[in-house]
Amino acid sequence: IGYVGAIPALVALVWSIMIFRRWPVSLDDHQPHHS
């Protein structure tokens, strides 16, 4: 159960991080740099 539950949990975590890192980048790309 440990491994079977850890595999999908890890995949979900990585996917969440990838989306979170892509989200701000996409928003920044749409809007001009506001320094």
N, C-alpha and C. Protein backbone atom coordinates (compact mmCIF):
# COMPACT_ATOMS: atom_id res chain seq x y z
N ILE A 1 0.85 -1.20 0.00
CA ILE A 1 0.00 0.00 0.00
C ILE A 1 0.88 1.24 0.00
N GLY A 2 2.03 1.18 0.68
CA GLY A 2 2.92 2.33 0.76
C GLY A 2 3.36 2.80 -0.62
N TYR A 3 3.93 1.85 -1.38
CA TYR A 3 4.42 2.22 -2.71
C TYR A 3 3.27 2.59 -3.64
N VAL A 4 2.22 1.76 -3.64
CA VAL A 4 1.08 2.00 -4.54
C VAL A 4 0.47 3.37 -4.26
N GLY A 5 0.51 3.82 -3.01
CA GLY A 5 -0.08 5.12 -2.67
C GLY A 5 0.91 6.25 -2.88
N ALA A 6 2.20 5.93 -2.85
CA ALA A 6 3.22 6.97 -2.99
C ALA A 6 3.43 7.34 -4.46
N ILE A 7 3.32 6.37 -5.34
CA ILE A 7 3.55 6.64 -6.77
C ILE A 7 2.58 7.70 -7.30
N PRO A 8 1.26 7.48 -7.19
CA PRO A 8 0.30 8.48 -7.69
C PRO A 8 0.42 9.80 -6.94
N ALA A 9 0.76 9.74 -5.66
CA ALA A 9 0.89 10.97 -4.87
C ALA A 9 2.07 11.79 -5.41
N LEU A 10 3.17 11.12 -5.73
CA LEU A 10 4.35 11.82 -6.24
C LEU A 10 4.05 12.42 -7.61
N VAL A 11 3.38 11.65 -8.46
CA VAL A 11 3.04 12.14 -9.80
C VAL A 11 2.15 13.38 -9.69
N ALA A 12 1.17 13.33 -8.78
CA ALA A 12 0.26 14.47 -8.60
C ALA A 12 1.04 15.68 -8.11
N LEU A 13 2.01 15.44 -7.22
CA LEU A 13 2.80 16.55 -6.67
C LEU A 13 3.62 17.20 -7.78
N VAL A 14 4.29 16.38 -8.58
CA VAL A 14 5.12 16.91 -9.67
C VAL A 14 4.25 17.67 -10.67
N TRP A 15 3.07 17.09 -11.00
CA TRP A 15 2.18 17.73 -11.96
C TRP A 15 1.73 19.08 -11.42
N SER A 16 1.40 19.12 -10.13
CA SER A 16 0.94 20.36 -9.50
C SER A 16 2.04 21.42 -9.57
N ILE A 17 3.28 21.01 -9.30
CA ILE A 17 4.39 21.96 -9.33
C ILE A 17 4.59 22.48 -10.76
N MET A 18 4.52 21.58 -11.73
CA MET A 18 4.72 21.98 -13.13
C MET A 18 3.67 23.01 -13.54
N ILE A 19 2.40 22.75 -13.18
CA ILE A 19 1.31 23.67 -13.53
C ILE A 19 1.51 25.00 -12.81
N PHE A 20 1.89 24.92 -11.53
CA PHE A 20 2.07 26.15 -10.74
C PHE A 20 3.19 26.99 -11.33
N ARG A 21 4.22 26.33 -11.84
CA ARG A 21 5.36 27.08 -12.41
C ARG A 21 4.99 27.64 -13.78
N ARG A 22 4.06 26.98 -14.46
CA ARG A 22 3.69 27.41 -15.80
C ARG A 22 2.66 28.53 -15.73
N TRP A 23 1.83 28.50 -14.67
CA TRP A 23 0.76 29.49 -14.54
C TRP A 23 1.29 30.92 -14.49
N PRO A 24 2.19 31.22 -13.51
CA PRO A 24 2.73 32.58 -13.41
C PRO A 24 3.48 32.99 -14.67
N VAL A 25 4.15 32.05 -15.29
CA VAL A 25 4.91 32.36 -16.50
C VAL A 25 3.96 32.78 -17.62
N SER A 26 2.81 32.07 -17.73
CA SER A 26 1.84 32.39 -18.77
C SER A 26 1.24 33.77 -18.52
N LEU A 27 0.93 34.07 -17.26
CA LEU A 27 0.35 35.36 -16.91
C LEU A 27 1.35 36.47 -17.20
N ASP A 28 2.62 36.23 -16.89
CA ASP A 28 3.65 37.24 -17.10
C ASP A 28 3.86 37.48 -18.60
N ASP A 29 3.68 36.42 -19.39
CA ASP A 29 3.87 36.52 -20.82
C ASP A 29 2.76 37.36 -21.45
N HIS A 30 1.54 37.22 -20.90
CA HIS A 30 0.39 37.95 -21.43
C HIS A 30 0.49 39.44 -21.09
N GLN A 31 0.90 39.71 -19.86
CA GLN A 31 1.01 41.11 -19.43
C GLN A 31 2.44 41.60 -19.57
N PRO A 32 2.62 42.88 -19.88
CA PRO A 32 3.97 43.46 -20.00
C PRO A 32 4.64 43.55 -18.64
N HIS A 33 5.96 43.58 -18.67
CA HIS A 33 6.70 43.65 -17.40
C HIS A 33 6.37 44.94 -16.65
N HIS A 34 5.94 44.77 -15.41
CA HIS A 34 5.55 45.94 -14.60
C HIS A 34 6.55 46.10 -13.46
N SER A 35 7.70 46.65 -13.78
CA SER A 35 8.73 46.79 -12.74
C SER A 35 8.47 48.04 -11.91
